[in-house]
PDB file of N, CA and C in Angstrom:
ATOM      1  N   MET A   1       6.218 -14.049  14.717  1.00  0.00           N
ATOM      2  CA  MET A   1       5.520 -13.129  13.457  1.00  0.00           C
ATOM      3  C   MET A   1       5.256 -11.697  14.171  1.00  0.00           C
ATOM      4  N   ASN A   2       6.130 -10.645  13.624  1.00  0.00           N
ATOM      5  CA  ASN A   2       5.852  -9.367  14.063  1.00  0.00           C
ATOM      6  C   ASN A   2       5.500  -8.430  12.757  1.00  0.00           C
ATOM      7  N   LEU A   3       4.422  -8.201  12.639  1.00  0.00           N
ATOM      8  CA  LEU A   3       3.758  -7.493  11.438  1.00  0.00           C
ATOM      9  C   LEU A   3       3.259  -6.145  12.113  1.00  0.00           C
ATOM     10  N   ASP A   4       3.476  -4.931  11.368  1.00  0.00           N
ATOM     11  CA  ASP A   4       2.855  -3.653  11.776  1.00  0.00           C
ATOM     12  C   ASP A   4       1.702  -3.504  11.139  1.00  0.00           C
ATOM     13  N   ILE A   5       0.750  -4.236  12.047  1.00  0.00           N
ATOM     14  CA  ILE A   5      -0.822  -4.127  11.324  1.00  0.00           C
ATOM     15  C   ILE A   5      -1.731  -3.642  12.693  1.00  0.00           C
ATOM     16  N   GLU A   6      -2.679  -2.786  12.233  1.00  0.00           N
ATOM     17  CA  GLU A   6      -3.709  -2.528  13.148  1.00  0.00           C
ATOM     18  C   GLU A   6      -4.405  -3.570  13.669  1.00  0.00           C
ATOM     19  N   GLU A   7      -4.732  -3.412  15.068  1.00  0.00           N
ATOM     20  CA  GLU A   7      -5.560  -4.616  15.652  1.00  0.00           C
ATOM     21  C   GLU A   7      -6.873  -5.002  14.895  1.00  0.00           C
ATOM     22  N   SER A   8      -7.498  -3.816  14.335  1.00  0.00           N
ATOM     23  CA  SER A   8      -8.881  -3.854  13.753  1.00  0.00           C
ATOM     24  C   SER A   8      -8.699  -4.401  12.462  1.00  0.00           C
ATOM     25  N   GLN A   9      -7.371  -4.683  12.017  1.00  0.00           N
ATOM     26  CA  GLN A   9      -7.182  -5.171  10.532  1.00  0.00           C
ATOM     27  C   GLN A   9      -6.839  -6.629  10.610  1.00  0.00           C
ATOM     28  N   ILE A  10      -6.752  -7.031  11.683  1.00  0.00           N
ATOM     29  CA  ILE A  10      -6.052  -8.560  12.017  1.00  0.00           C
ATOM     30  C   ILE A  10      -7.280  -9.561  11.534  1.00  0.00           C
ATOM     31  N   HIS A  11      -7.030 -10.340  10.542  1.00  0.00           N
ATOM     32  CA  HIS A  11      -7.999 -11.397  10.256  1.00  0.00           C
ATOM     33  C   HIS A  11      -7.820 -12.680  10.759  1.00  0.00           C
ATOM     34  N   PRO A  12      -8.877 -13.348  11.224  1.00  0.00           N
ATOM     35  CA  PRO A  12      -8.418 -14.577  11.953  1.00  0.00           C
ATOM     36  C   PRO A  12      -7.696 -15.517  11.491  1.00  0.00           C
ATOM     37  N   TYR A  13      -7.359 -15.640  10.176  1.00  0.00           N
ATOM     38  CA  TYR A  13      -6.516 -16.728   9.706  1.00  0.00           C
ATOM     39  C   TYR A  13      -5.122 -15.769   9.296  1.00  0.00           C
ATOM     40  N   LEU A  14      -5.003 -14.900   9.939  1.00  0.00           N
ATOM     41  CA  LEU A  14      -3.720 -14.116   9.397  1.00  0.00           C
ATOM     42  C   LEU A  14      -2.204 -15.032   9.692  1.00  0.00           C
ATOM     43  N   LYS A  15      -2.342 -15.372  10.818  1.00  0.00           N
ATOM     44  CA  LYS A  15      -1.185 -16.245  11.159  1.00  0.00           C
ATOM     45  C   LYS A  15      -0.899 -17.556  10.246  1.00  0.00           C
ATOM     46  N   THR A  16      -1.992 -18.091   9.871  1.00  0.00           N
ATOM     47  CA  THR A  16      -2.074 -19.127   8.599  1.00  0.00           C
ATOM     48  C   THR A  16      -1.562 -18.585   7.690  1.00  0.00           C
ATOM     49  N   MET A  17      -1.992 -17.623   7.062  1.00  0.00           N
ATOM     50  CA  MET A  17      -1.781 -16.908   5.818  1.00  0.00           C
ATOM     51  C   MET A  17       0.031 -16.580   5.848  1.00  0.00           C
ATOM     52  N   VAL A  18       0.470 -15.874   6.729  1.00  0.00           N
ATOM     53  CA  VAL A  18       1.744 -15.551   6.962  1.00  0.00           C
ATOM     54  C   VAL A  18       2.600 -16.787   6.986  1.00  0.00           C
ATOM     55  N   GLU A  19       2.243 -17.816   7.744  1.00  0.00           N
ATOM     56  CA  GLU A  19       3.093 -19.004   7.749  1.00  0.00           C
ATOM     57  C   GLU A  19       3.306 -19.603   6.313  1.00  0.00           C
ATOM     58  N   TYR A  20       2.011 -19.706   5.652  1.00  0.00           N
ATOM     59  CA  TYR A  20       2.056 -20.310   4.546  1.00  0.00           C
ATOM     60  C   TYR A  20       2.938 -19.610   3.587  1.00  0.00           C
ATOM     61  N   HIS A  21       3.085 -18.191   3.394  1.00  0.00           N
ATOM     62  CA  HIS A  21       3.860 -17.549   2.661  1.00  0.00           C
ATOM     63  C   HIS A  21       5.394 -17.686   2.757  1.00  0.00           C
ATOM     64  N   TRP A  22       5.571 -17.543   4.234  1.00  0.00           N
ATOM     65  CA  TRP A  22       6.943 -17.710   4.692  1.00  0.00           C
ATOM     66  C   TRP A  22       7.535 -19.283   4.547  1.00  0.00           C
ATOM     67  N   GLN A  23       6.800 -20.184   4.540  1.00  0.00           N
ATOM     68  CA  GLN A  23       7.327 -21.629   4.391  1.00  0.00           C
ATOM     69  C   GLN A  23       7.454 -21.762   3.086  1.00  0.00           C
ATOM     70  N   ASN A  24       6.856 -21.225   2.207  1.00  0.00           N
ATOM     71  CA  ASN A  24       7.015 -21.288   0.655  1.00  0.00           C
ATOM     72  C   ASN A  24       7.863 -20.293   0.023  1.00  0.00           C
ATOM     73  N   ASN A  25       8.968 -19.625   0.946  1.00  0.00           N
ATOM     74  CA  ASN A  25       9.768 -18.676   0.610  1.00  0.00           C
ATOM     75  C   ASN A  25       9.321 -17.455  -0.113  1.00  0.00           C
ATOM     76  N   MET A  26       7.992 -17.058   0.325  1.00  0.00           N
ATOM     77  CA  MET A  26       7.361 -15.915  -0.403  1.00  0.00           C
ATOM     78  C   MET A  26       7.240 -14.754   0.573  1.00  0.00           C
ATOM     79  N   PRO A  27       7.284 -13.349   0.382  1.00  0.00           N
ATOM     80  CA  PRO A  27       7.025 -12.307   1.177  1.00  0.00           C
ATOM     81  C   PRO A  27       5.560 -12.132   1.393  1.00  0.00           C
ATOM     82  N   PHE A  28       5.214 -11.866   2.738  1.00  0.00           N
ATOM     83  CA  PHE A  28       3.876 -11.586   3.036  1.00  0.00           C
ATOM     84  C   PHE A  28       3.580  -9.892   2.721  1.00  0.00           C
ATOM     85  N   ILE A  29       2.669  -9.614   1.893  1.00  0.00           N
ATOM     86  CA  ILE A  29       2.356  -8.308   1.449  1.00  0.00           C
ATOM     87  C   ILE A  29       1.154  -7.949   2.295  1.00  0.00           C
ATOM     88  N   TYR A  30       1.187  -6.767   2.829  1.00  0.00           N
ATOM     89  CA  TYR A  30      -0.056  -5.997   3.556  1.00  0.00           C
ATOM     90  C   TYR A  30       0.642  -4.265   3.825  1.00  0.00           C
ATOM     91  N   LEU A  31      -0.962  -3.907   4.125  1.00  0.00           N
ATOM     92  CA  LEU A  31      -0.550  -2.287   4.345  1.00  0.00           C
ATOM     93  C   LEU A  31      -0.228  -2.227   6.052  1.00  0.00           C
ATOM     94  N   ASN A  32       0.679  -1.447   6.183  1.00  0.00           N
ATOM     95  CA  ASN A  32       1.192  -1.226   7.374  1.00  0.00           C
ATOM     96  C   ASN A  32       0.605  -0.111   8.313  1.00  0.00           C
ATOM     97  N   ARG A  33       0.558   0.239   9.459  1.00  0.00           N
ATOM     98  CA  ARG A  33      -0.092   1.050  10.250  1.00  0.00           C
ATOM     99  C   ARG A  33      -0.196   2.628   9.555  1.00  0.00           C
ATOM    100  N   GLN A  34       0.858   2.882   8.775  1.00  0.00           N
ATOM    101  CA  GLN A  34       0.995   4.350   8.106  1.00  0.00           C
ATOM    102  C   GLN A  34       0.396   4.204   7.039  1.00  0.00           C
ATOM    103  N   GLY A  35      -0.203   3.074   6.420  1.00  0.00           N
ATOM    104  CA  GLY A  35      -0.917   2.898   5.276  1.00  0.00           C
ATOM    105  C   GLY A  35      -0.049   2.720   3.815  1.00  0.00           C
ATOM    106  N   LYS A  36       1.204   2.381   4.212  1.00  0.00           N
ATOM    107  CA  LYS A  36       2.215   1.778   3.043  1.00  0.00           C
ATOM    108  C   LYS A  36       2.045   0.412   2.804  1.00  0.00           C
ATOM    109  N   LEU A  37       2.223   0.246   1.504  1.00  0.00           N
ATOM    110  CA  LEU A  37       2.428  -1.450   1.042  1.00  0.00           C
ATOM    111  C   LEU A  37       3.788  -1.794   1.389  1.00  0.00           C
ATOM    112  N   VAL A  38       3.792  -2.703   2.093  1.00  0.00           N
ATOM    113  CA  VAL A  38       5.250  -3.311   2.426  1.00  0.00           C
ATOM    114  C   VAL A  38       5.005  -4.891   2.189  1.00  0.00           C
ATOM    115  N   GLN A  39       6.166  -5.411   1.809  1.00  0.00           N
ATOM    116  CA  GLN A  39       6.405  -6.965   1.727  1.00  0.00           C
ATOM    117  C   GLN A  39       7.395  -7.271   2.859  1.00  0.00           C
ATOM    118  N   GLN A  40       6.955  -8.504   3.536  1.00  0.00           N
ATOM    119  CA  GLN A  40       7.738  -8.663   4.746  1.00  0.00           C
ATOM    120  C   GLN A  40       8.393 -10.162   4.421  1.00  0.00           C
ATOM    121  N   TRP A  41       9.334 -10.402   4.685  1.00  0.00           N
ATOM    122  CA  TRP A  41      10.082 -11.872   4.399  1.00  0.00           C
ATOM    123  C   TRP A  41      10.173 -12.523   5.790  1.00  0.00           C
ATOM    124  N   ALA A  42      10.296 -13.850   5.906  1.00  0.00           N
ATOM    125  CA  ALA A  42      10.140 -14.618   7.122  1.00  0.00           C
ATOM    126  C   ALA A  42      11.688 -14.101   7.917  1.00  0.00           C
ATOM    127  N   ASP A  43      12.567 -13.689   7.347  1.00  0.00           N
ATOM    128  CA  ASP A  43      13.929 -13.329   7.885  1.00  0.00           C
ATOM    129  C   ASP A  43      13.605 -11.788   8.725  1.00  0.00           C
ATOM    130  N   GLY A  44      12.699 -11.297   8.655  1.00  0.00           N
ATOM    131  CA  GLY A  44      12.243 -10.105   9.067  1.00  0.00           C
ATOM    132  C   GLY A  44      12.548  -8.748   8.268  1.00  0.00           C
ATOM    133  N   THR A  45      13.122  -8.849   7.018  1.00  0.00           N
ATOM    134  CA  THR A  45      13.400  -7.879   6.044  1.00  0.00           C
ATOM    135  C   THR A  45      11.999  -7.369   5.577  1.00  0.00           C
ATOM    136  N   ILE A  46      11.834  -6.051   5.617  1.00  0.00           N
ATOM    137  CA  ILE A  46      10.827  -5.351   5.120  1.00  0.00           C
ATOM    138  C   ILE A  46      11.414  -4.378   4.095  1.00  0.00           C
ATOM    139  N   GLU A  47      10.557  -4.586   2.736  1.00  0.00           N
ATOM    140  CA  GLU A  47      10.648  -3.804   1.790  1.00  0.00           C
ATOM    141  C   GLU A  47       9.420  -2.977   1.407  1.00  0.00           C
ATOM    142  N   TYR A  48       9.502  -1.685   1.248  1.00  0.00           N
ATOM    143  CA  TYR A  48       8.386  -0.772   1.176  1.00  0.00           C
ATOM    144  C   TYR A  48       8.147  -0.833  -0.537  1.00  0.00           C
ATOM    145  N   LEU A  49       6.893  -0.925  -0.848  1.00  0.00           N
ATOM    146  CA  LEU A  49       6.416  -1.004  -2.487  1.00  0.00           C
ATOM    147  C   LEU A  49       5.927  -0.070  -2.886  1.00  0.00           C
ATOM    148  N   VAL A  50       6.518   0.448  -3.842  1.00  0.00           N
ATOM    149  CA  VAL A  50       5.982   1.945  -4.590  1.00  0.00           C
ATOM    150  C   VAL A  50       5.389   1.757  -5.808  1.00  0.00           C
ATOM    151  N   ASP A  51       3.945   2.388  -6.031  1.00  0.00           N
ATOM    152  CA  ASP A  51       3.525   2.384  -7.137  1.00  0.00           C
ATOM    153  C   ASP A  51       4.205   3.299  -8.081  1.00  0.00           C
ATOM    154  N   GLU A  52       4.889   2.662  -9.384  1.00  0.00           N
ATOM    155  CA  GLU A  52       5.560   3.377 -10.130  1.00  0.00           C
ATOM    156  C   GLU A  52       4.955   4.673 -11.007  1.00  0.00           C
ATOM    157  N   GLU A  53       3.737   4.276 -11.327  1.00  0.00           N
ATOM    158  CA  GLU A  53       2.764   5.062 -12.153  1.00  0.00           C
ATOM    159  C   GLU A  53       2.461   6.427 -11.005  1.00  0.00           C
ATOM    160  N   GLU A  54       2.260   6.012  -9.767  1.00  0.00           N
ATOM    161  CA  GLU A  54       1.939   7.202  -8.982  1.00  0.00           C
ATOM    162  C   GLU A  54       3.250   7.973  -8.599  1.00  0.00           C
ATOM    163  N   GLU A  55       4.449   7.269  -8.554  1.00  0.00           N
ATOM    164  CA  GLU A  55       5.643   8.021  -8.170  1.00  0.00           C
ATOM    165  C   GLU A  55       5.914   8.955  -9.162  1.00  0.00           C
ATOM    166  N   ASN A  56       5.599   8.560 -10.641  1.00  0.00           N
ATOM    167  CA  ASN A  56       5.855   9.415 -11.791  1.00  0.00           C
ATOM    168  C   ASN A  56       5.099  10.601 -11.917  1.00  0.00           C
ATOM    169  N   ASN A  57       3.750  10.583 -11.484  1.00  0.00           N
ATOM    170  CA  ASN A  57       2.671  11.518 -11.615  1.00  0.00           C
ATOM    171  C   ASN A  57       2.870  12.559 -10.366  1.00  0.00           C
ATOM    172  N   LYS A  58       3.761  12.482  -9.701  1.00  0.00           N
ATOM    173  CA  LYS A  58       3.652  13.504  -8.571  1.00  0.00           C
ATOM    174  C   LYS A  58       4.113  14.835  -9.054  1.00  0.00           C
ATOM    175  N   PHE A  59       3.329  15.644  -8.799  1.00  0.00           N
ATOM    176  CA  PHE A  59       3.593  17.227  -9.100  1.00  0.00           C
ATOM    177  C   PHE A  59       3.322  18.069  -7.835  1.00  0.00           C
ATOM    178  N   ASP A  60       3.807  19.202  -7.797  1.00  0.00           N
ATOM    179  CA  ASP A  60       3.392  20.457  -7.041  1.00  0.00           C
ATOM    180  C   ASP A  60       1.881  20.902  -7.222  1.00  0.00           C
ATOM    181  N   LYS A  61       1.093  20.703  -6.453  1.00  0.00           N
ATOM    182  CA  LYS A  61      -0.166  21.119  -6.839  1.00  0.00           C
ATOM    183  C   LYS A  61      -0.708  22.449  -6.714  1.00  0.00           C
ATOM    184  N   ARG A  62       0.686  23.489  -6.214  1.00  0.00           N
ATOM    185  CA  ARG A  62       0.401  24.972  -6.198  1.00  0.00           C
ATOM    186  C   ARG A  62       0.657  25.455  -7.898  1.00  0.00           C
ATOM    187  N   TYR A  63       1.147  24.593  -8.571  1.00  0.00           N
ATOM    188  CA  TYR A  63       1.137  25.006 -10.015  1.00  0.00           C
ATOM    189  C   TYR A  63       0.235  24.506 -11.021  1.00  0.00           C
ATOM    190  N   GLU A  64      -0.934  23.737 -10.206  1.00  0.00           N
ATOM    191  CA  GLU A  64      -1.780  23.246 -11.144  1.00  0.00           C
ATOM    192  C   GLU A  64      -2.777  24.306 -11.500  1.00  0.00           C
ATOM    193  N   LYS A  65      -3.325  24.200 -12.724  1.00  0.00           N
ATOM    194  CA  LYS A  65      -4.046  25.229 -13.203  1.00  0.00           C
ATOM    195  C   LYS A  65      -5.588  25.329 -12.591  1.00  0.00           C
ATOM    196  N   PRO A  66      -6.207  26.165 -12.108  1.00  0.00           N
ATOM    197  CA  PRO A  66      -7.589  26.179 -11.477  1.00  0.00           C
ATOM    198  C   PRO A  66      -8.388  25.811 -12.614  1.00  0.00           C
ATOM    199  N   PHE A  67      -9.612  24.874 -11.919  1.00  0.00           N
ATOM    200  CA  PHE A  67     -10.787  24.754 -12.721  1.00  0.00           C
ATOM    201  C   PHE A  67     -11.575  25.888 -13.006  1.00  0.00           C
ATOM    202  N   GLU A  68     -12.020  25.892 -14.172  1.00  0.00           N
ATOM    203  CA  GLU A  68     -12.819  27.117 -14.579  1.00  0.00           C
ATOM    204  C   GLU A  68     -14.002  26.396 -15.192  1.00  0.00           C
ATOM    205  N   ASP A  69     -15.166  27.104 -14.723  1.00  0.00           N
ATOM    206  CA  ASP A  69     -16.537  26.425 -14.939  1.00  0.00           C
ATOM    207  C   ASP A  69     -17.154  27.713 -15.936  1.00  0.00           C
ATOM    208  N   ASP A  70     -17.356  27.229 -17.234  1.00  0.00           N
ATOM    209  CA  ASP A  70     -17.786  28.168 -18.148  1.00  0.00           C
ATOM    210  C   ASP A  70     -19.318  28.197 -18.214  1.00  0.00           C
ATOM    211  N   GLY A  71     -19.983  26.995 -17.482  1.00  0.00           N
ATOM    212  CA  GLY A  71     -21.396  26.956 -17.543  1.00  0.00           C
ATOM    213  C   GLY A  71     -21.635  26.013 -18.726  1.00  0.00           C
ATOM    214  N   ALA A  72     -20.877  25.494 -19.608  1.00  0.00           N
ATOM    215  CA  ALA A  72     -21.208  24.824 -20.738  1.00  0.00           C
ATOM    216  C   ALA A  72     -21.179  23.152 -20.278  1.00  0.00           C
ATOM    217  N   TYR A  73     -22.390  22.340 -20.472  1.00  0.00           N
ATOM    218  CA  TYR A  73     -22.157  21.044 -20.380  1.00  0.00           C
ATOM    219  C   TYR A  73     -22.460  20.325 -21.658  1.00  0.00           C
ATOM    220  N   ALA A  74     -21.808  19.334 -21.800  1.00  0.00           N
ATOM    221  CA  ALA A  74     -21.883  18.186 -22.885  1.00  0.00           C
ATOM    222  C   ALA A  74     -22.987  17.407 -22.610  1.00  0.00           C
ATOM    223  N   ASP A  75     -24.159  17.377 -23.611  1.00  0.00           N
ATOM    224  CA  ASP A  75     -25.149  16.644 -23.492  1.00  0.00           C
ATOM    225  C   ASP A  75     -25.065  15.601 -24.349  1.00  0.00           C
TER     226      ASP A  75
END
């Protein structure tokens, strides 16, 4: 079992959970050290999972309209 997980994030039953997934032909899904969501298969194959909504909403913040506070509040 070779997972890219921080030592502080390791659960006492991690090995049991990973073995259960891999014995049932399922990937084990976790956040790696870089904070990316990955799924890892028993054969060592790693796939990075990307949130489609987040991927579609990427934009260059340099072109974001600045927030203007006109002092009005809705009550």
